[in-house]
Amino acid sequence: MDAVDRLRRLCVDNPAAADDAEDGWSDALDAHTISLVRISALIAADAPAASMRSAIDGAVTAGVTVSEIVAVLEGLISDVGPPRAVAAAPRIAAALGYDDDLVADSEI
């Protein structure tokens, strides 16, 4: 099934679209890109820490660097707004193991 057919299924809320969703990733995107897209979606959705940790773990496994993850967060500021990005930052830092290294409020 091509991309247009998959899009058509999504447009009409065809139940089969959900069954095919995971296959869409593997057909068009590599694991590195998928990881960055997932992190972006979780930032935009204001996802909880557990979801962010899972996505970050998968991203690191896929070879995504801390620099790339921070670039995604910074790049989304104009799309999701500073409050959403700032809210996601501690969850990302914790998932990366930097939660103890955060700058204290008095140092900002």
PDB file of N, CA and C in Angstrom:
ATOM      1  N   MET A   1       0.842  -1.164   0.000  1.00  0.00           N
ATOM      2  CA  MET A   1       0.000   0.000   0.000  1.00  0.00           C
ATOM      3  C   MET A   1       0.896   1.239   0.000  1.00  0.00           C
ATOM      4  N   ASP A   2       0.579   2.193  -0.833  1.00  0.00           N
ATOM      5  CA  ASP A   2       1.415   3.392  -0.921  1.00  0.00           C
ATOM      6  C   ASP A   2       0.976   4.445   0.101  1.00  0.00           C
ATOM      7  N   ALA A   3       1.720   5.529   0.166  1.00  0.00           N
ATOM      8  CA  ALA A   3       1.477   6.579   1.155  1.00  0.00           C
ATOM      9  C   ALA A   3       0.111   7.228   0.978  1.00  0.00           C
ATOM     10  N   VAL A   4      -0.320   7.409  -0.252  1.00  0.00           N
ATOM     11  CA  VAL A   4      -1.621   8.044  -0.498  1.00  0.00           C
ATOM     12  C   VAL A   4      -2.753   7.153   0.022  1.00  0.00           C
ATOM     13  N   ASP A   5      -2.632   5.859  -0.177  1.00  0.00           N
ATOM     14  CA  ASP A   5      -3.650   4.939   0.341  1.00  0.00           C
ATOM     15  C   ASP A   5      -3.681   4.956   1.870  1.00  0.00           C
ATOM     16  N   ARG A   6      -2.507   5.017   2.492  1.00  0.00           N
ATOM     17  CA  ARG A   6      -2.462   5.086   3.952  1.00  0.00           C
ATOM     18  C   ARG A   6      -3.068   6.392   4.453  1.00  0.00           C
ATOM     19  N   LEU A   7      -2.773   7.482   3.756  1.00  0.00           N
ATOM     20  CA  LEU A   7      -3.349   8.775   4.115  1.00  0.00           C
ATOM     21  C   LEU A   7      -4.865   8.738   3.962  1.00  0.00           C
ATOM     22  N   ARG A   8      -5.343   8.124   2.882  1.00  0.00           N
ATOM     23  CA  ARG A   8      -6.787   8.006   2.648  1.00  0.00           C
ATOM     24  C   ARG A   8      -7.448   7.256   3.811  1.00  0.00           C
ATOM     25  N   ARG A   9      -6.840   6.169   4.259  1.00  0.00           N
ATOM     26  CA  ARG A   9      -7.392   5.416   5.390  1.00  0.00           C
ATOM     27  C   ARG A   9      -7.478   6.286   6.642  1.00  0.00           C
ATOM     28  N   LEU A  10      -6.461   7.078   6.862  1.00  0.00           N
ATOM     29  CA  LEU A  10      -6.474   7.959   8.026  1.00  0.00           C
ATOM     30  C   LEU A  10      -7.540   9.040   7.896  1.00  0.00           C
ATOM     31  N   CYS A  11      -7.719   9.571   6.702  1.00  0.00           N
ATOM     32  CA  CYS A  11      -8.713  10.629   6.479  1.00  0.00           C
ATOM     33  C   CYS A  11     -10.134  10.161   6.776  1.00  0.00           C
ATOM     34  N   VAL A  12     -10.417   8.916   6.488  1.00  0.00           N
ATOM     35  CA  VAL A  12     -11.773   8.395   6.694  1.00  0.00           C
ATOM     36  C   VAL A  12     -11.890   7.596   7.988  1.00  0.00           C
ATOM     37  N   ASP A  13     -10.853   7.633   8.815  1.00  0.00           N
ATOM     38  CA  ASP A  13     -10.838   6.939  10.105  1.00  0.00           C
ATOM     39  C   ASP A  13     -11.089   5.446   9.937  1.00  0.00           C
ATOM     40  N   ASN A  14     -10.440   4.868   8.948  1.00  0.00           N
ATOM     41  CA  ASN A  14     -10.545   3.436   8.698  1.00  0.00           C
ATOM     42  C   ASN A  14      -9.820   2.697   9.823  1.00  0.00           C
ATOM     43  N   PRO A  15     -10.490   1.755  10.491  1.00  0.00           N
ATOM     44  CA  PRO A  15      -9.842   1.028  11.593  1.00  0.00           C
ATOM     45  C   PRO A  15      -8.548   0.328  11.189  1.00  0.00           C
ATOM     46  N   ALA A  16      -8.421  -0.043   9.933  1.00  0.00           N
ATOM     47  CA  ALA A  16      -7.200  -0.710   9.482  1.00  0.00           C
ATOM     48  C   ALA A  16      -5.995   0.225   9.532  1.00  0.00           C
ATOM     49  N   ALA A  17      -6.229   1.529   9.546  1.00  0.00           N
ATOM     50  CA  ALA A  17      -5.117   2.487   9.590  1.00  0.00           C
ATOM     51  C   ALA A  17      -4.288   2.298  10.850  1.00  0.00           C
ATOM     52  N   ALA A  18      -4.939   2.034  11.961  1.00  0.00           N
ATOM     53  CA  ALA A  18      -4.206   1.825  13.211  1.00  0.00           C
ATOM     54  C   ALA A  18      -3.364   0.559  13.146  1.00  0.00           C
ATOM     55  N   ASP A  19      -3.879  -0.462  12.498  1.00  0.00           N
ATOM     56  CA  ASP A  19      -3.125  -1.710  12.365  1.00  0.00           C
ATOM     57  C   ASP A  19      -1.881  -1.530  11.507  1.00  0.00           C
ATOM     58  N   ASP A  20      -1.966  -0.652  10.539  1.00  0.00           N
ATOM     59  CA  ASP A  20      -0.859  -0.423   9.616  1.00  0.00           C
ATOM     60  C   ASP A  20       0.099   0.663  10.085  1.00  0.00           C
ATOM     61  N   ALA A  21      -0.215   1.366  11.154  1.00  0.00           N
ATOM     62  CA  ALA A  21       0.553   2.548  11.561  1.00  0.00           C
ATOM     63  C   ALA A  21       2.023   2.239  11.815  1.00  0.00           C
ATOM     64  N   GLU A  22       2.327   1.176  12.512  1.00  0.00           N
ATOM     65  CA  GLU A  22       3.731   0.874  12.813  1.00  0.00           C
ATOM     66  C   GLU A  22       4.498   0.551  11.542  1.00  0.00           C
ATOM     67  N   ASP A  23       3.852  -0.053  10.582  1.00  0.00           N
ATOM     68  CA  ASP A  23       4.512  -0.360   9.318  1.00  0.00           C
ATOM     69  C   ASP A  23       4.907   0.903   8.570  1.00  0.00           C
ATOM     70  N   GLY A  24       4.151   1.973   8.756  1.00  0.00           N
ATOM     71  CA  GLY A  24       4.462   3.230   8.085  1.00  0.00           C
ATOM     72  C   GLY A  24       5.819   3.772   8.464  1.00  0.00           C
ATOM     73  N   TRP A  25       6.182   3.597   9.733  1.00  0.00           N
ATOM     74  CA  TRP A  25       7.500   4.041  10.172  1.00  0.00           C
ATOM     75  C   TRP A  25       8.592   3.314   9.418  1.00  0.00           C
ATOM     76  N   SER A  26       8.508   2.009   9.397  1.00  0.00           N
ATOM     77  CA  SER A  26       9.609   1.233   8.834  1.00  0.00           C
ATOM     78  C   SER A  26       9.743   1.425   7.328  1.00  0.00           C
ATOM     79  N   ASP A  27       8.670   1.748   6.668  1.00  0.00           N
ATOM     80  CA  ASP A  27       8.729   1.928   5.223  1.00  0.00           C
ATOM     81  C   ASP A  27       9.424   3.222   4.806  1.00  0.00           C
ATOM     82  N   ALA A  28       9.233   4.276   5.569  1.00  0.00           N
ATOM     83  CA  ALA A  28       9.659   5.584   5.100  1.00  0.00           C
ATOM     84  C   ALA A  28      10.779   6.232   5.910  1.00  0.00           C
ATOM     85  N   LEU A  29      10.911   5.868   7.180  1.00  0.00           N
ATOM     86  CA  LEU A  29      11.851   6.561   8.048  1.00  0.00           C
ATOM     87  C   LEU A  29      12.783   5.579   8.741  1.00  0.00           C
ATOM     88  N   ASP A  30      14.010   6.030   8.972  1.00  0.00           N
ATOM     89  CA  ASP A  30      14.961   5.201   9.709  1.00  0.00           C
ATOM     90  C   ASP A  30      14.747   5.395  11.213  1.00  0.00           C
ATOM     91  N   ALA A  31      15.333   4.520  12.020  1.00  0.00           N
ATOM     92  CA  ALA A  31      15.135   4.530  13.470  1.00  0.00           C
ATOM     93  C   ALA A  31      15.571   5.853  14.095  1.00  0.00           C
ATOM     94  N   HIS A  32      16.613   6.441  13.587  1.00  0.00           N
ATOM     95  CA  HIS A  32      17.113   7.718  14.100  1.00  0.00           C
ATOM     96  C   HIS A  32      16.052   8.809  13.929  1.00  0.00           C
ATOM     97  N   THR A  33      15.502   8.903  12.736  1.00  0.00           N
ATOM     98  CA  THR A  33      14.482   9.914  12.446  1.00  0.00           C
ATOM     99  C   THR A  33      13.208   9.651  13.232  1.00  0.00           C
ATOM    100  N   ILE A  34      12.794   8.386  13.295  1.00  0.00           N
ATOM    101  CA  ILE A  34      11.602   8.027  14.063  1.00  0.00           C
ATOM    102  C   ILE A  34      11.756   8.477  15.508  1.00  0.00           C
ATOM    103  N   SER A  35      12.913   8.270  16.069  1.00  0.00           N
ATOM    104  CA  SER A  35      13.157   8.668  17.457  1.00  0.00           C
ATOM    105  C   SER A  35      12.989  10.170  17.650  1.00  0.00           C
ATOM    106  N   LEU A  36      13.517  10.952  16.741  1.00  0.00           N
ATOM    107  CA  LEU A  36      13.395  12.408  16.846  1.00  0.00           C
ATOM    108  C   LEU A  36      11.947  12.859  16.670  1.00  0.00           C
ATOM    109  N   VAL A  37      11.222  12.213  15.769  1.00  0.00           N
ATOM    110  CA  VAL A  37       9.810  12.534  15.568  1.00  0.00           C
ATOM    111  C   VAL A  37       9.020  12.207  16.839  1.00  0.00           C
ATOM    112  N   ARG A  38       9.287  11.057  17.433  1.00  0.00           N
ATOM    113  CA  ARG A  38       8.586  10.676  18.670  1.00  0.00           C
ATOM    114  C   ARG A  38       8.842  11.682  19.779  1.00  0.00           C
ATOM    115  N   ILE A  39      10.086  12.075  19.953  1.00  0.00           N
ATOM    116  CA  ILE A  39      10.409  13.062  20.984  1.00  0.00           C
ATOM    117  C   ILE A  39       9.678  14.367  20.707  1.00  0.00           C
ATOM    118  N   SER A  40       9.652  14.787  19.458  1.00  0.00           N
ATOM    119  CA  SER A  40       8.944  16.013  19.086  1.00  0.00           C
ATOM    120  C   SER A  40       7.466  15.924  19.433  1.00  0.00           C
ATOM    121  N   ALA A  41       6.859  14.802  19.093  1.00  0.00           N
ATOM    122  CA  ALA A  41       5.436  14.621  19.379  1.00  0.00           C
ATOM    123  C   ALA A  41       5.166  14.645  20.878  1.00  0.00           C
ATOM    124  N   LEU A  42       6.035  14.025  21.651  1.00  0.00           N
ATOM    125  CA  LEU A  42       5.844  14.003  23.099  1.00  0.00           C
ATOM    126  C   LEU A  42       6.006  15.386  23.711  1.00  0.00           C
ATOM    127  N   ILE A  43       6.928  16.169  23.187  1.00  0.00           N
ATOM    128  CA  ILE A  43       7.081  17.547  23.653  1.00  0.00           C
ATOM    129  C   ILE A  43       5.810  18.322  23.340  1.00  0.00           C
ATOM    130  N   ALA A  44       5.331  18.211  22.119  1.00  0.00           N
ATOM    131  CA  ALA A  44       4.135  18.941  21.691  1.00  0.00           C
ATOM    132  C   ALA A  44       2.902  18.529  22.487  1.00  0.00           C
ATOM    133  N   ALA A  45       2.829  17.262  22.863  1.00  0.00           N
ATOM    134  CA  ALA A  45       1.669  16.745  23.594  1.00  0.00           C
ATOM    135  C   ALA A  45       1.784  16.923  25.105  1.00  0.00           C
ATOM    136  N   ASP A  46       2.894  17.480  25.562  1.00  0.00           N
ATOM    137  CA  ASP A  46       3.138  17.642  26.992  1.00  0.00           C
ATOM    138  C   ASP A  46       3.036  16.295  27.706  1.00  0.00           C
ATOM    139  N   ALA A  47       3.694  15.306  27.131  1.00  0.00           N
ATOM    140  CA  ALA A  47       3.630  13.927  27.625  1.00  0.00           C
ATOM    141  C   ALA A  47       4.294  13.791  28.988  1.00  0.00           C
ATOM    142  N   PRO A  48       3.874  12.800  29.750  1.00  0.00           N
ATOM    143  CA  PRO A  48       4.458  12.588  31.076  1.00  0.00           C
ATOM    144  C   PRO A  48       5.893  12.075  31.002  1.00  0.00           C
ATOM    145  N   ALA A  49       6.550  12.136  32.126  1.00  0.00           N
ATOM    146  CA  ALA A  49       7.968  11.761  32.211  1.00  0.00           C
ATOM    147  C   ALA A  49       8.217  10.321  31.766  1.00  0.00           C
ATOM    148  N   ALA A  50       7.326   9.405  32.104  1.00  0.00           N
ATOM    149  CA  ALA A  50       7.536   8.002  31.732  1.00  0.00           C
ATOM    150  C   ALA A  50       7.551   7.833  30.217  1.00  0.00           C
ATOM    151  N   SER A  51       6.678   8.523  29.533  1.00  0.00           N
ATOM    152  CA  SER A  51       6.651   8.447  28.068  1.00  0.00           C
ATOM    153  C   SER A  51       7.917   9.053  27.480  1.00  0.00           C
ATOM    154  N   MET A  52       8.337  10.175  28.041  1.00  0.00           N
ATOM    155  CA  MET A  52       9.544  10.832  27.554  1.00  0.00           C
ATOM    156  C   MET A  52      10.759   9.945  27.789  1.00  0.00           C
ATOM    157  N   ARG A  53      10.824   9.311  28.948  1.00  0.00           N
ATOM    158  CA  ARG A  53      11.957   8.438  29.262  1.00  0.00           C
ATOM    159  C   ARG A  53      12.028   7.282  28.267  1.00  0.00           C
ATOM    160  N   SER A  54      10.895   6.697  27.945  1.00  0.00           N
ATOM    161  CA  SER A  54      10.852   5.592  26.992  1.00  0.00           C
ATOM    162  C   SER A  54      11.332   6.045  25.611  1.00  0.00           C
ATOM    163  N   ALA A  55      10.867   7.205  25.190  1.00  0.00           N
ATOM    164  CA  ALA A  55      11.271   7.727  23.877  1.00  0.00           C
ATOM    165  C   ALA A  55      12.758   8.080  23.852  1.00  0.00           C
ATOM    166  N   ILE A  56      13.245   8.669  24.919  1.00  0.00           N
ATOM    167  CA  ILE A  56      14.660   9.035  24.998  1.00  0.00           C
ATOM    168  C   ILE A  56      15.528   7.786  25.006  1.00  0.00           C
ATOM    169  N   ASP A  57      15.111   6.775  25.756  1.00  0.00           N
ATOM    170  CA  ASP A  57      15.865   5.516  25.782  1.00  0.00           C
ATOM    171  C   ASP A  57      15.946   4.913  24.385  1.00  0.00           C
ATOM    172  N   GLY A  58      14.824   4.911  23.679  1.00  0.00           N
ATOM    173  CA  GLY A  58      14.807   4.398  22.310  1.00  0.00           C
ATOM    174  C   GLY A  58      15.671   5.225  21.381  1.00  0.00           C
ATOM    175  N   ALA A  59      15.654   6.535  21.583  1.00  0.00           N
ATOM    176  CA  ALA A  59      16.455   7.426  20.744  1.00  0.00           C
ATOM    177  C   ALA A  59      17.944   7.180  20.944  1.00  0.00           C
ATOM    178  N   VAL A  60      18.354   7.069  22.194  1.00  0.00           N
ATOM    179  CA  VAL A  60      19.770   6.825  22.485  1.00  0.00           C
ATOM    180  C   VAL A  60      20.196   5.489  21.874  1.00  0.00           C
ATOM    181  N   THR A  61      19.349   4.488  21.982  1.00  0.00           N
ATOM    182  CA  THR A  61      19.626   3.183  21.372  1.00  0.00           C
ATOM    183  C   THR A  61      19.773   3.309  19.856  1.00  0.00           C
ATOM    184  N   ALA A  62      18.990   4.216  19.260  1.00  0.00           N
ATOM    185  CA  ALA A  62      19.033   4.423  17.813  1.00  0.00           C
ATOM    186  C   ALA A  62      20.200   5.314  17.384  1.00  0.00           C
ATOM    187  N   GLY A  63      20.992   5.797  18.351  1.00  0.00           N
ATOM    188  CA  GLY A  63      22.160   6.604  18.023  1.00  0.00           C
ATOM    189  C   GLY A  63      21.937   8.102  18.032  1.00  0.00           C
ATOM    190  N   VAL A  64      20.801   8.544  18.539  1.00  0.00           N
ATOM    191  CA  VAL A  64      20.532   9.977  18.636  1.00  0.00           C
ATOM    192  C   VAL A  64      21.398  10.554  19.745  1.00  0.00           C
ATOM    193  N   THR A  65      21.987  11.709  19.490  1.00  0.00           N
ATOM    194  CA  THR A  65      22.863  12.345  20.475  1.00  0.00           C
ATOM    195  C   THR A  65      22.089  13.329  21.354  1.00  0.00           C
ATOM    196  N   VAL A  66      22.680  13.663  22.475  1.00  0.00           N
ATOM    197  CA  VAL A  66      22.087  14.664  23.365  1.00  0.00           C
ATOM    198  C   VAL A  66      21.933  15.978  22.609  1.00  0.00           C
ATOM    199  N   SER A  67      22.917  16.319  21.817  1.00  0.00           N
ATOM    200  CA  SER A  67      22.870  17.558  21.037  1.00  0.00           C
ATOM    201  C   SER A  67      21.661  17.581  20.096  1.00  0.00           C
ATOM    202  N   GLU A  68      21.378  16.463  19.473  1.00  0.00           N
ATOM    203  CA  GLU A  68      20.222  16.393  18.569  1.00  0.00           C
ATOM    204  C   GLU A  68      18.906  16.516  19.339  1.00  0.00           C
ATOM    205  N   ILE A  69      18.843  15.904  20.503  1.00  0.00           N
ATOM    206  CA  ILE A  69      17.626  15.987  21.311  1.00  0.00           C
ATOM    207  C   ILE A  69      17.388  17.425  21.769  1.00  0.00           C
ATOM    208  N   VAL A  70      18.441  18.085  22.210  1.00  0.00           N
ATOM    209  CA  VAL A  70      18.311  19.485  22.635  1.00  0.00           C
ATOM    210  C   VAL A  70      17.940  20.362  21.439  1.00  0.00           C
ATOM    211  N   ALA A  71      18.489  20.069  20.268  1.00  0.00           N
ATOM    212  CA  ALA A  71      18.140  20.833  19.067  1.00  0.00           C
ATOM    213  C   ALA A  71      16.662  20.696  18.733  1.00  0.00           C
ATOM    214  N   VAL A  72      16.115  19.500  18.914  1.00  0.00           N
ATOM    215  CA  VAL A  72      14.678  19.293  18.688  1.00  0.00           C
ATOM    216  C   VAL A  72      13.880  20.145  19.667  1.00  0.00           C
ATOM    217  N   LEU A  73      14.252  20.103  20.930  1.00  0.00           N
ATOM    218  CA  LEU A  73      13.555  20.901  21.941  1.00  0.00           C
ATOM    219  C   LEU A  73      13.617  22.386  21.601  1.00  0.00           C
ATOM    220  N   GLU A  74      14.792  22.869  21.281  1.00  0.00           N
ATOM    221  CA  GLU A  74      14.941  24.290  20.932  1.00  0.00           C
ATOM    222  C   GLU A  74      14.194  24.636  19.650  1.00  0.00           C
ATOM    223  N   GLY A  75      14.239  23.736  18.693  1.00  0.00           N
ATOM    224  CA  GLY A  75      13.563  23.981  17.416  1.00  0.00           C
ATOM    225  C   GLY A  75      12.055  24.049  17.536  1.00  0.00           C
ATOM    226  N   LEU A  76      11.506  23.409  18.542  1.00  0.00           N
ATOM    227  CA  LEU A  76      10.055  23.400  18.716  1.00  0.00           C
ATOM    228  C   LEU A  76       9.520  24.604  19.478  1.00  0.00           C
ATOM    229  N   ILE A  77      10.395  25.401  20.040  1.00  0.00           N
ATOM    230  CA  ILE A  77       9.936  26.533  20.847  1.00  0.00           C
ATOM    231  C   ILE A  77       8.972  27.424  20.062  1.00  0.00           C
ATOM    232  N   SER A  78       9.284  27.718  18.821  1.00  0.00           N
ATOM    233  CA  SER A  78       8.405  28.590  18.047  1.00  0.00           C
ATOM    234  C   SER A  78       7.089  27.904  17.671  1.00  0.00           C
ATOM    235  N   ASP A  79       7.053  26.585  17.717  1.00  0.00           N
ATOM    236  CA  ASP A  79       5.831  25.851  17.373  1.00  0.00           C
ATOM    237  C   ASP A  79       4.959  25.558  18.590  1.00  0.00           C
ATOM    238  N   VAL A  80       5.569  25.189  19.697  1.00  0.00           N
ATOM    239  CA  VAL A  80       4.791  24.798  20.874  1.00  0.00           C
ATOM    240  C   VAL A  80       4.758  25.873  21.956  1.00  0.00           C
ATOM    241  N   GLY A  81       5.613  26.862  21.827  1.00  0.00           N
ATOM    242  CA  GLY A  81       5.679  27.942  22.805  1.00  0.00           C
ATOM    243  C   GLY A  81       6.698  27.660  23.891  1.00  0.00           C
ATOM    244  N   PRO A  82       7.289  28.732  24.412  1.00  0.00           N
ATOM    245  CA  PRO A  82       8.291  28.574  25.464  1.00  0.00           C
ATOM    246  C   PRO A  82       7.792  27.804  26.691  1.00  0.00           C
ATOM    247  N   PRO A  83       6.569  28.026  27.176  1.00  0.00           N
ATOM    248  CA  PRO A  83       6.149  27.284  28.373  1.00  0.00           C
ATOM    249  C   PRO A  83       6.146  25.762  28.170  1.00  0.00           C
ATOM    250  N   ARG A  84       5.713  25.309  27.010  1.00  0.00           N
ATOM    251  CA  ARG A  84       5.684  23.866  26.753  1.00  0.00           C
ATOM    252  C   ARG A  84       7.100  23.314  26.655  1.00  0.00           C
ATOM    253  N   ALA A  85       7.993  24.061  26.003  1.00  0.00           N
ATOM    254  CA  ALA A  85       9.384  23.616  25.879  1.00  0.00           C
ATOM    255  C   ALA A  85      10.070  23.597  27.241  1.00  0.00           C
ATOM    256  N   VAL A  86       9.838  24.618  28.039  1.00  0.00           N
ATOM    257  CA  VAL A  86      10.433  24.681  29.375  1.00  0.00           C
ATOM    258  C   VAL A  86       9.885  23.551  30.249  1.00  0.00           C
ATOM    259  N   ALA A  87       8.617  23.230  30.100  1.00  0.00           N
ATOM    260  CA  ALA A  87       8.025  22.126  30.872  1.00  0.00           C
ATOM    261  C   ALA A  87       8.637  20.782  30.470  1.00  0.00           C
ATOM    262  N   ALA A  88       8.972  20.625  29.197  1.00  0.00           N
ATOM    263  CA  ALA A  88       9.541  19.365  28.717  1.00  0.00           C
ATOM    264  C   ALA A  88      11.010  19.214  29.088  1.00  0.00           C
ATOM    265  N   ALA A  89      11.715  20.309  29.234  1.00  0.00           N
ATOM    266  CA  ALA A  89      13.166  20.258  29.471  1.00  0.00           C
ATOM    267  C   ALA A  89      13.558  19.407  30.676  1.00  0.00           C
ATOM    268  N   PRO A  90      12.925  19.558  31.841  1.00  0.00           N
ATOM    269  CA  PRO A  90      13.328  18.718  32.980  1.00  0.00           C
ATOM    270  C   PRO A  90      13.048  17.226  32.751  1.00  0.00           C
ATOM    271  N   ARG A  91      11.976  16.923  32.025  1.00  0.00           N
ATOM    272  CA  ARG A  91      11.672  15.518  31.739  1.00  0.00           C
ATOM    273  C   ARG A  91      12.726  14.922  30.811  1.00  0.00           C
ATOM    274  N   ILE A  92      13.159  15.717  29.855  1.00  0.00           N
ATOM    275  CA  ILE A  92      14.212  15.267  28.945  1.00  0.00           C
ATOM    276  C   ILE A  92      15.525  15.109  29.704  1.00  0.00           C
ATOM    277  N   ALA A  93      15.847  16.101  30.530  1.00  0.00           N
ATOM    278  CA  ALA A  93      17.087  16.034  31.320  1.00  0.00           C
ATOM    279  C   ALA A  93      17.092  14.802  32.219  1.00  0.00           C
ATOM    280  N   ALA A  94      15.974  14.529  32.871  1.00  0.00           N
ATOM    281  CA  ALA A  94      15.889  13.361  33.753  1.00  0.00           C
ATOM    282  C   ALA A  94      16.049  12.075  32.958  1.00  0.00           C
ATOM    283  N   ALA A  95      15.422  12.011  31.789  1.00  0.00           N
ATOM    284  CA  ALA A  95      15.524  10.808  30.952  1.00  0.00           C
ATOM    285  C   ALA A  95      16.952  10.582  30.478  1.00  0.00           C
ATOM    286  N   LEU A  96      17.688  11.656  30.315  1.00  0.00           N
ATOM    287  CA  LEU A  96      19.088  11.558  29.885  1.00  0.00           C
ATOM    288  C   LEU A  96      20.043  11.358  31.063  1.00  0.00           C
ATOM    289  N   GLY A  97      19.508  11.407  32.277  1.00  0.00           N
ATOM    290  CA  GLY A  97      20.338  11.210  33.455  1.00  0.00           C
ATOM    291  C   GLY A  97      20.979  12.478  33.979  1.00  0.00           C
ATOM    292  N   TYR A  98      20.500  13.630  33.537  1.00  0.00           N
ATOM    293  CA  TYR A  98      21.079  14.901  33.964  1.00  0.00           C
ATOM    294  C   TYR A  98      20.232  15.617  35.006  1.00  0.00           C
ATOM    295  N   ASP A  99      19.244  14.966  35.581  1.00  0.00           N
ATOM    296  CA  ASP A  99      18.352  15.654  36.499  1.00  0.00           C
ATOM    297  C   ASP A  99      19.065  16.196  37.731  1.00  0.00           C
ATOM    298  N   ASP A 100      20.117  15.545  38.181  1.00  0.00           N
ATOM    299  CA  ASP A 100      20.866  16.044  39.334  1.00  0.00           C
ATOM    300  C   ASP A 100      21.805  17.189  38.960  1.00  0.00           C
ATOM    301  N   ASP A 101      22.041  17.374  37.674  1.00  0.00           N
ATOM    302  CA  ASP A 101      22.968  18.399  37.216  1.00  0.00           C
ATOM    303  C   ASP A 101      22.278  19.678  36.764  1.00  0.00           C
ATOM    304  N   LEU A 102      20.950  19.755  36.951  1.00  0.00           N
ATOM    305  CA  LEU A 102      20.232  20.955  36.515  1.00  0.00           C
ATOM    306  C   LEU A 102      20.710  22.161  37.286  1.00  0.00           C
ATOM    307  N   VAL A 103      20.702  23.296  36.613  1.00  0.00           N
ATOM    308  CA  VAL A 103      21.107  24.546  37.238  1.00  0.00           C
ATOM    309  C   VAL A 103      20.058  24.930  38.277  1.00  0.00           C
ATOM    310  N   ALA A 104      20.507  25.281  39.452  1.00  0.00           N
ATOM    311  CA  ALA A 104      19.578  25.709  40.507  1.00  0.00           C
ATOM    312  C   ALA A 104      18.908  26.997  40.100  1.00  0.00           C
ATOM    313  N   ASP A 105      17.681  27.192  40.583  1.00  0.00           N
ATOM    314  CA  ASP A 105      16.921  28.395  40.243  1.00  0.00           C
ATOM    315  C   ASP A 105      17.705  29.673  40.554  1.00  0.00           C
ATOM    316  N   SER A 106      18.481  29.661  41.585  1.00  0.00           N
ATOM    317  CA  SER A 106      19.227  30.860  41.977  1.00  0.00           C
ATOM    318  C   SER A 106      20.370  31.174  41.007  1.00  0.00           C
ATOM    319  N   GLU A 107      20.731  30.218  40.166  1.00  0.00           N
ATOM    320  CA  GLU A 107      21.853  30.424  39.231  1.00  0.00           C
ATOM    321  C   GLU A 107      21.379  30.854  37.851  1.00  0.00           C
ATOM    322  N   ILE A 108      20.073  30.916  37.647  1.00  0.00           N
ATOM    323  CA  ILE A 108      19.554  31.241  36.303  1.00  0.00           C
ATOM    324  C   ILE A 108      19.626  32.722  36.055  1.00  0.00           C
TER     325      ILE A 108
END
